[in-house]
Amino acid sequence: MCRHDSFVIERNGKPVARVVPIAGAAGDVTVAEALAAWTSGAAADRSFAEDLAAVDAADRPPANRWES
């Protein structure tokens, strides 16, 4: 059963976004159904995985992760 909850995302105490259910979505999906769809998908693209690894290796965390 979908509760149709919405959430407000704040930054420094100010609302910056709202997450809401998609109007007219084609039914609810359980986590089990979503996982089954995810795991039955196509084979992994090796070059995409390598690209993600390169991006991850080049990523530098900010000096202060709380400032942006």
PDB file of N, CA and C in Angstrom:
ATOM      1  N   MET A   1       0.845  -1.191   0.000  1.00  0.00           N
ATOM      2  CA  MET A   1       0.000   0.000   0.000  1.00  0.00           C
ATOM      3  C   MET A   1       0.884   1.245   0.000  1.00  0.00           C
ATOM      4  N   CYS A   2       0.645   2.129  -0.892  1.00  0.00           N
ATOM      5  CA  CYS A   2       1.424   3.361  -0.998  1.00  0.00           C
ATOM      6  C   CYS A   2       0.831   4.429  -0.089  1.00  0.00           C
ATOM      7  N   ARG A   3       1.687   5.046   0.712  1.00  0.00           N
ATOM      8  CA  ARG A   3       1.216   6.086   1.625  1.00  0.00           C
ATOM      9  C   ARG A   3       1.262   7.462   0.979  1.00  0.00           C
ATOM     10  N   HIS A   4       1.888   7.594  -0.157  1.00  0.00           N
ATOM     11  CA  HIS A   4       1.993   8.872  -0.870  1.00  0.00           C
ATOM     12  C   HIS A   4       2.649   9.951   0.000  1.00  0.00           C
ATOM     13  N   ASP A   5       3.695   9.552   0.752  1.00  0.00           N
ATOM     14  CA  ASP A   5       4.441  10.508   1.573  1.00  0.00           C
ATOM     15  C   ASP A   5       5.230  11.453   0.680  1.00  0.00           C
ATOM     16  N   SER A   6       5.482  12.647   1.182  1.00  0.00           N
ATOM     17  CA  SER A   6       6.394  13.574   0.512  1.00  0.00           C
ATOM     18  C   SER A   6       7.405  14.047   1.545  1.00  0.00           C
ATOM     19  N   PHE A   7       8.569  14.464   1.069  1.00  0.00           N
ATOM     20  CA  PHE A   7       9.646  14.873   1.946  1.00  0.00           C
ATOM     21  C   PHE A   7      10.234  16.187   1.454  1.00  0.00           C
ATOM     22  N   VAL A   8      10.599  17.057   2.395  1.00  0.00           N
ATOM     23  CA  VAL A   8      11.249  18.319   2.068  1.00  0.00           C
ATOM     24  C   VAL A   8      12.728  18.178   2.404  1.00  0.00           C
ATOM     25  N   ILE A   9      13.577  18.525   1.452  1.00  0.00           N
ATOM     26  CA  ILE A   9      15.022  18.495   1.650  1.00  0.00           C
ATOM     27  C   ILE A   9      15.466  19.912   1.959  1.00  0.00           C
ATOM     28  N   GLU A  10      16.212  20.043   3.051  1.00  0.00           N
ATOM     29  CA  GLU A  10      16.671  21.364   3.481  1.00  0.00           C
ATOM     30  C   GLU A  10      18.184  21.459   3.409  1.00  0.00           C
ATOM     31  N   ARG A  11      18.649  22.671   3.189  1.00  0.00           N
ATOM     32  CA  ARG A  11      20.074  22.972   3.257  1.00  0.00           C
ATOM     33  C   ARG A  11      20.208  24.222   4.112  1.00  0.00           C
ATOM     34  N   ASN A  12      20.961  24.105   5.179  1.00  0.00           N
ATOM     35  CA  ASN A  12      21.133  25.212   6.130  1.00  0.00           C
ATOM     36  C   ASN A  12      19.781  25.718   6.636  1.00  0.00           C
ATOM     37  N   GLY A  13      18.853  24.790   6.870  1.00  0.00           N
ATOM     38  CA  GLY A  13      17.555  25.149   7.413  1.00  0.00           C
ATOM     39  C   GLY A  13      16.568  25.731   6.414  1.00  0.00           C
ATOM     40  N   LYS A  14      16.965  25.815   5.143  1.00  0.00           N
ATOM     41  CA  LYS A  14      16.080  26.372   4.119  1.00  0.00           C
ATOM     42  C   LYS A  14      15.642  25.257   3.169  1.00  0.00           C
ATOM     43  N   PRO A  15      14.344  25.174   2.869  1.00  0.00           N
ATOM     44  CA  PRO A  15      13.895  24.140   1.935  1.00  0.00           C
ATOM     45  C   PRO A  15      14.466  24.374   0.537  1.00  0.00           C
ATOM     46  N   VAL A  16      15.020  23.312  -0.060  1.00  0.00           N
ATOM     47  CA  VAL A  16      15.593  23.425  -1.401  1.00  0.00           C
ATOM     48  C   VAL A  16      14.930  22.484  -2.400  1.00  0.00           C
ATOM     49  N   ALA A  17      14.218  21.466  -1.903  1.00  0.00           N
ATOM     50  CA  ALA A  17      13.569  20.524  -2.814  1.00  0.00           C
ATOM     51  C   ALA A  17      12.483  19.763  -2.067  1.00  0.00           C
ATOM     52  N   ARG A  18      11.567  19.205  -2.835  1.00  0.00           N
ATOM     53  CA  ARG A  18      10.525  18.337  -2.279  1.00  0.00           C
ATOM     54  C   ARG A  18      10.509  17.057  -3.103  1.00  0.00           C
ATOM     55  N   VAL A  19      10.509  15.927  -2.422  1.00  0.00           N
ATOM     56  CA  VAL A  19      10.429  14.627  -3.067  1.00  0.00           C
ATOM     57  C   VAL A  19       9.003  14.134  -2.887  1.00  0.00           C
ATOM     58  N   VAL A  20       8.330  13.894  -4.007  1.00  0.00           N
ATOM     59  CA  VAL A  20       6.925  13.483  -3.976  1.00  0.00           C
ATOM     60  C   VAL A  20       6.727  12.280  -4.887  1.00  0.00           C
ATOM     61  N   PRO A  21       5.679  11.498  -4.657  1.00  0.00           N
ATOM     62  CA  PRO A  21       5.393  10.391  -5.569  1.00  0.00           C
ATOM     63  C   PRO A  21       5.069  10.913  -6.967  1.00  0.00           C
ATOM     64  N   ILE A  22       5.354  10.118  -7.968  1.00  0.00           N
ATOM     65  CA  ILE A  22       5.045  10.485  -9.346  1.00  0.00           C
ATOM     66  C   ILE A  22       3.549  10.334  -9.556  1.00  0.00           C
ATOM     67  N   ALA A  23       2.925  11.381 -10.046  1.00  0.00           N
ATOM     68  CA  ALA A  23       1.488  11.330 -10.322  1.00  0.00           C
ATOM     69  C   ALA A  23       1.221  10.365 -11.466  1.00  0.00           C
ATOM     70  N   GLY A  24       0.258   9.497 -11.287  1.00  0.00           N
ATOM     71  CA  GLY A  24      -0.116   8.573 -12.349  1.00  0.00           C
ATOM     72  C   GLY A  24       0.867   7.448 -12.565  1.00  0.00           C
ATOM     73  N   ALA A  25       1.718   7.172 -11.561  1.00  0.00           N
ATOM     74  CA  ALA A  25       2.673   6.070 -11.705  1.00  0.00           C
ATOM     75  C   ALA A  25       1.920   4.757 -11.882  1.00  0.00           C
ATOM     76  N   ALA A  26       2.497   3.865 -12.618  1.00  0.00           N
ATOM     77  CA  ALA A  26       1.821   2.603 -12.959  1.00  0.00           C
ATOM     78  C   ALA A  26       1.925   1.591 -11.830  1.00  0.00           C
ATOM     79  N   GLY A  27       1.333   1.864 -10.694  1.00  0.00           N
ATOM     80  CA  GLY A  27       1.268   0.907  -9.596  1.00  0.00           C
ATOM     81  C   GLY A  27       2.489   0.939  -8.703  1.00  0.00           C
ATOM     82  N   ASP A  28       2.315   0.317  -7.566  1.00  0.00           N
ATOM     83  CA  ASP A  28       3.392   0.240  -6.588  1.00  0.00           C
ATOM     84  C   ASP A  28       4.269  -0.974  -6.876  1.00  0.00           C
ATOM     85  N   VAL A  29       5.531  -0.861  -6.560  1.00  0.00           N
ATOM     86  CA  VAL A  29       6.470  -1.950  -6.747  1.00  0.00           C
ATOM     87  C   VAL A  29       7.122  -2.235  -5.405  1.00  0.00           C
ATOM     88  N   THR A  30       7.173  -3.489  -5.036  1.00  0.00           N
ATOM     89  CA  THR A  30       7.827  -3.849  -3.785  1.00  0.00           C
ATOM     90  C   THR A  30       9.338  -3.871  -3.991  1.00  0.00           C
ATOM     91  N   VAL A  31      10.069  -3.859  -2.900  1.00  0.00           N
ATOM     92  CA  VAL A  31      11.530  -3.944  -2.980  1.00  0.00           C
ATOM     93  C   VAL A  31      11.924  -5.266  -3.628  1.00  0.00           C
ATOM     94  N   ALA A  32      11.234  -6.343  -3.288  1.00  0.00           N
ATOM     95  CA  ALA A  32      11.545  -7.651  -3.875  1.00  0.00           C
ATOM     96  C   ALA A  32      11.351  -7.631  -5.389  1.00  0.00           C
ATOM     97  N   GLU A  33      10.276  -6.997  -5.858  1.00  0.00           N
ATOM     98  CA  GLU A  33      10.034  -6.905  -7.298  1.00  0.00           C
ATOM     99  C   GLU A  33      11.100  -6.056  -7.985  1.00  0.00           C
ATOM    100  N   ALA A  34      11.480  -4.965  -7.371  1.00  0.00           N
ATOM    101  CA  ALA A  34      12.517  -4.103  -7.944  1.00  0.00           C
ATOM    102  C   ALA A  34      13.855  -4.832  -8.005  1.00  0.00           C
ATOM    103  N   LEU A  35      14.193  -5.575  -6.941  1.00  0.00           N
ATOM    104  CA  LEU A  35      15.444  -6.337  -6.923  1.00  0.00           C
ATOM    105  C   LEU A  35      15.432  -7.424  -7.995  1.00  0.00           C
ATOM    106  N   ALA A  36      14.307  -8.090  -8.150  1.00  0.00           N
ATOM    107  CA  ALA A  36      14.206  -9.131  -9.179  1.00  0.00           C
ATOM    108  C   ALA A  36      14.401  -8.532 -10.569  1.00  0.00           C
ATOM    109  N   ALA A  37      13.808  -7.375 -10.821  1.00  0.00           N
ATOM    110  CA  ALA A  37      13.978  -6.714 -12.119  1.00  0.00           C
ATOM    111  C   ALA A  37      15.431  -6.297 -12.326  1.00  0.00           C
ATOM    112  N   TRP A  38      16.058  -5.803 -11.275  1.00  0.00           N
ATOM    113  CA  TRP A  38      17.459  -5.343 -11.353  1.00  0.00           C
ATOM    114  C   TRP A  38      18.396  -6.506 -11.652  1.00  0.00           C
ATOM    115  N   THR A  39      18.206  -7.630 -10.946  1.00  0.00           N
ATOM    116  CA  THR A  39      19.121  -8.761 -11.106  1.00  0.00           C
ATOM    117  C   THR A  39      18.876  -9.548 -12.382  1.00  0.00           C
ATOM    118  N   SER A  40      17.715  -9.404 -13.004  1.00  0.00           N
ATOM    119  CA  SER A  40      17.446 -10.134 -14.240  1.00  0.00           C
ATOM    120  C   SER A  40      17.800  -9.309 -15.476  1.00  0.00           C
ATOM    121  N   GLY A  41      18.442  -8.169 -15.274  1.00  0.00           N
ATOM    122  CA  GLY A  41      18.779  -7.277 -16.383  1.00  0.00           C
ATOM    123  C   GLY A  41      19.918  -7.803 -17.232  1.00  0.00           C
ATOM    124  N   ALA A  42      20.347  -6.996 -18.159  1.00  0.00           N
ATOM    125  CA  ALA A  42      21.417  -7.364 -19.089  1.00  0.00           C
ATOM    126  C   ALA A  42      22.747  -7.508 -18.358  1.00  0.00           C
ATOM    127  N   ALA A  43      23.675  -8.150 -19.012  1.00  0.00           N
ATOM    128  CA  ALA A  43      25.020  -8.324 -18.456  1.00  0.00           C
ATOM    129  C   ALA A  43      25.693  -6.964 -18.282  1.00  0.00           C
ATOM    130  N   ALA A  44      26.573  -6.898 -17.309  1.00  0.00           N
ATOM    131  CA  ALA A  44      27.283  -5.654 -17.016  1.00  0.00           C
ATOM    132  C   ALA A  44      28.158  -5.242 -18.193  1.00  0.00           C
ATOM    133  N   ASP A  45      28.245  -3.947 -18.429  1.00  0.00           N
ATOM    134  CA  ASP A  45      29.088  -3.390 -19.486  1.00  0.00           C
ATOM    135  C   ASP A  45      30.460  -3.136 -18.868  1.00  0.00           C
ATOM    136  N   ARG A  46      31.450  -3.920 -19.240  1.00  0.00           N
ATOM    137  CA  ARG A  46      32.787  -3.842 -18.639  1.00  0.00           C
ATOM    138  C   ARG A  46      33.401  -2.455 -18.793  1.00  0.00           C
ATOM    139  N   SER A  47      33.239  -1.811 -19.932  1.00  0.00           N
ATOM    140  CA  SER A  47      33.858  -0.496 -20.134  1.00  0.00           C
ATOM    141  C   SER A  47      33.203   0.547 -19.226  1.00  0.00           C
ATOM    142  N   PHE A  48      31.893   0.413 -18.962  1.00  0.00           N
ATOM    143  CA  PHE A  48      31.223   1.338 -18.048  1.00  0.00           C
ATOM    144  C   PHE A  48      31.761   1.164 -16.636  1.00  0.00           C
ATOM    145  N   ALA A  49      31.971  -0.074 -16.222  1.00  0.00           N
ATOM    146  CA  ALA A  49      32.535  -0.340 -14.898  1.00  0.00           C
ATOM    147  C   ALA A  49      33.943   0.251 -14.782  1.00  0.00           C
ATOM    148  N   GLU A  50      34.717   0.155 -15.836  1.00  0.00           N
ATOM    149  CA  GLU A  50      36.066   0.724 -15.835  1.00  0.00           C
ATOM    150  C   GLU A  50      36.008   2.257 -15.766  1.00  0.00           C
ATOM    151  N   ASP A  51      35.049   2.864 -16.474  1.00  0.00           N
ATOM    152  CA  ASP A  51      34.875   4.320 -16.405  1.00  0.00           C
ATOM    153  C   ASP A  51      34.518   4.764 -14.986  1.00  0.00           C
ATOM    154  N   LEU A  52      33.615   4.024 -14.345  1.00  0.00           N
ATOM    155  CA  LEU A  52      33.240   4.354 -12.966  1.00  0.00           C
ATOM    156  C   LEU A  52      34.435   4.229 -12.027  1.00  0.00           C
ATOM    157  N   ALA A  53      35.241   3.222 -12.216  1.00  0.00           N
ATOM    158  CA  ALA A  53      36.440   3.047 -11.386  1.00  0.00           C
ATOM    159  C   ALA A  53      37.406   4.210 -11.579  1.00  0.00           C
ATOM    160  N   ALA A  54      37.565   4.679 -12.815  1.00  0.00           N
ATOM    161  CA  ALA A  54      38.452   5.816 -13.087  1.00  0.00           C
ATOM    162  C   ALA A  54      37.933   7.087 -12.431  1.00  0.00           C
ATOM    163  N   VAL A  55      36.622   7.310 -12.506  1.00  0.00           N
ATOM    164  CA  VAL A  55      36.033   8.484 -11.863  1.00  0.00           C
ATOM    165  C   VAL A  55      36.223   8.405 -10.349  1.00  0.00           C
ATOM    166  N   ASP A  56      35.983   7.231  -9.788  1.00  0.00           N
ATOM    167  CA  ASP A  56      36.150   7.039  -8.344  1.00  0.00           C
ATOM    168  C   ASP A  56      37.592   7.291  -7.919  1.00  0.00           C
ATOM    169  N   ALA A  57      38.553   6.814  -8.702  1.00  0.00           N
ATOM    170  CA  ALA A  57      39.967   7.000  -8.375  1.00  0.00           C
ATOM    171  C   ALA A  57      40.378   8.465  -8.451  1.00  0.00           C
ATOM    172  N   ALA A  58      39.746   9.242  -9.331  1.00  0.00           N
ATOM    173  CA  ALA A  58      40.091  10.649  -9.505  1.00  0.00           C
ATOM    174  C   ALA A  58      39.358  11.562  -8.527  1.00  0.00           C
ATOM    175  N   ASP A  59      38.369  11.028  -7.841  1.00  0.00           N
ATOM    176  CA  ASP A  59      37.550  11.842  -6.930  1.00  0.00           C
ATOM    177  C   ASP A  59      38.387  12.302  -5.737  1.00  0.00           C
ATOM    178  N   ARG A  60      38.258  13.573  -5.410  1.00  0.00           N
ATOM    179  CA  ARG A  60      38.961  14.140  -4.258  1.00  0.00           C
ATOM    180  C   ARG A  60      37.924  14.701  -3.299  1.00  0.00           C
ATOM    181  N   PRO A  61      37.889  14.212  -2.065  1.00  0.00           N
ATOM    182  CA  PRO A  61      36.908  14.757  -1.111  1.00  0.00           C
ATOM    183  C   PRO A  61      37.236  16.204  -0.770  1.00  0.00           C
ATOM    184  N   PRO A  62      36.230  17.001  -0.464  1.00  0.00           N
ATOM    185  CA  PRO A  62      36.484  18.396  -0.094  1.00  0.00           C
ATOM    186  C   PRO A  62      37.224  18.477   1.239  1.00  0.00           C
ATOM    187  N   ALA A  63      37.929  19.581   1.450  1.00  0.00           N
ATOM    188  CA  ALA A  63      38.643  19.774   2.706  1.00  0.00           C
ATOM    189  C   ALA A  63      37.675  19.743   3.883  1.00  0.00           C
ATOM    190  N   ASN A  64      36.514  20.383   3.719  1.00  0.00           N
ATOM    191  CA  ASN A  64      35.484  20.376   4.740  1.00  0.00           C
ATOM    192  C   ASN A  64      34.211  19.870   4.079  1.00  0.00           C
ATOM    193  N   ARG A  65      33.817  18.649   4.383  1.00  0.00           N
ATOM    194  CA  ARG A  65      32.673  18.056   3.705  1.00  0.00           C
ATOM    195  C   ARG A  65      31.360  18.723   4.076  1.00  0.00           C
ATOM    196  N   TRP A  66      31.334  19.567   5.066  1.00  0.00           N
ATOM    197  CA  TRP A  66      30.094  20.234   5.480  1.00  0.00           C
ATOM    198  C   TRP A  66      29.899  21.562   4.773  1.00  0.00           C
ATOM    199  N   GLU A  67      30.913  22.059   4.092  1.00  0.00           N
ATOM    200  CA  GLU A  67      30.786  23.298   3.312  1.00  0.00           C
ATOM    201  C   GLU A  67      30.597  22.946   1.848  1.00  0.00           C
ATOM    202  N   SER A  68      29.799  23.705   1.168  1.00  0.00           N
ATOM    203  CA  SER A  68      29.661  23.451  -0.269  1.00  0.00           C
ATOM    204  C   SER A  68      29.350  24.747  -0.973  1.00  0.00           C
TER     205      SER A  68
END
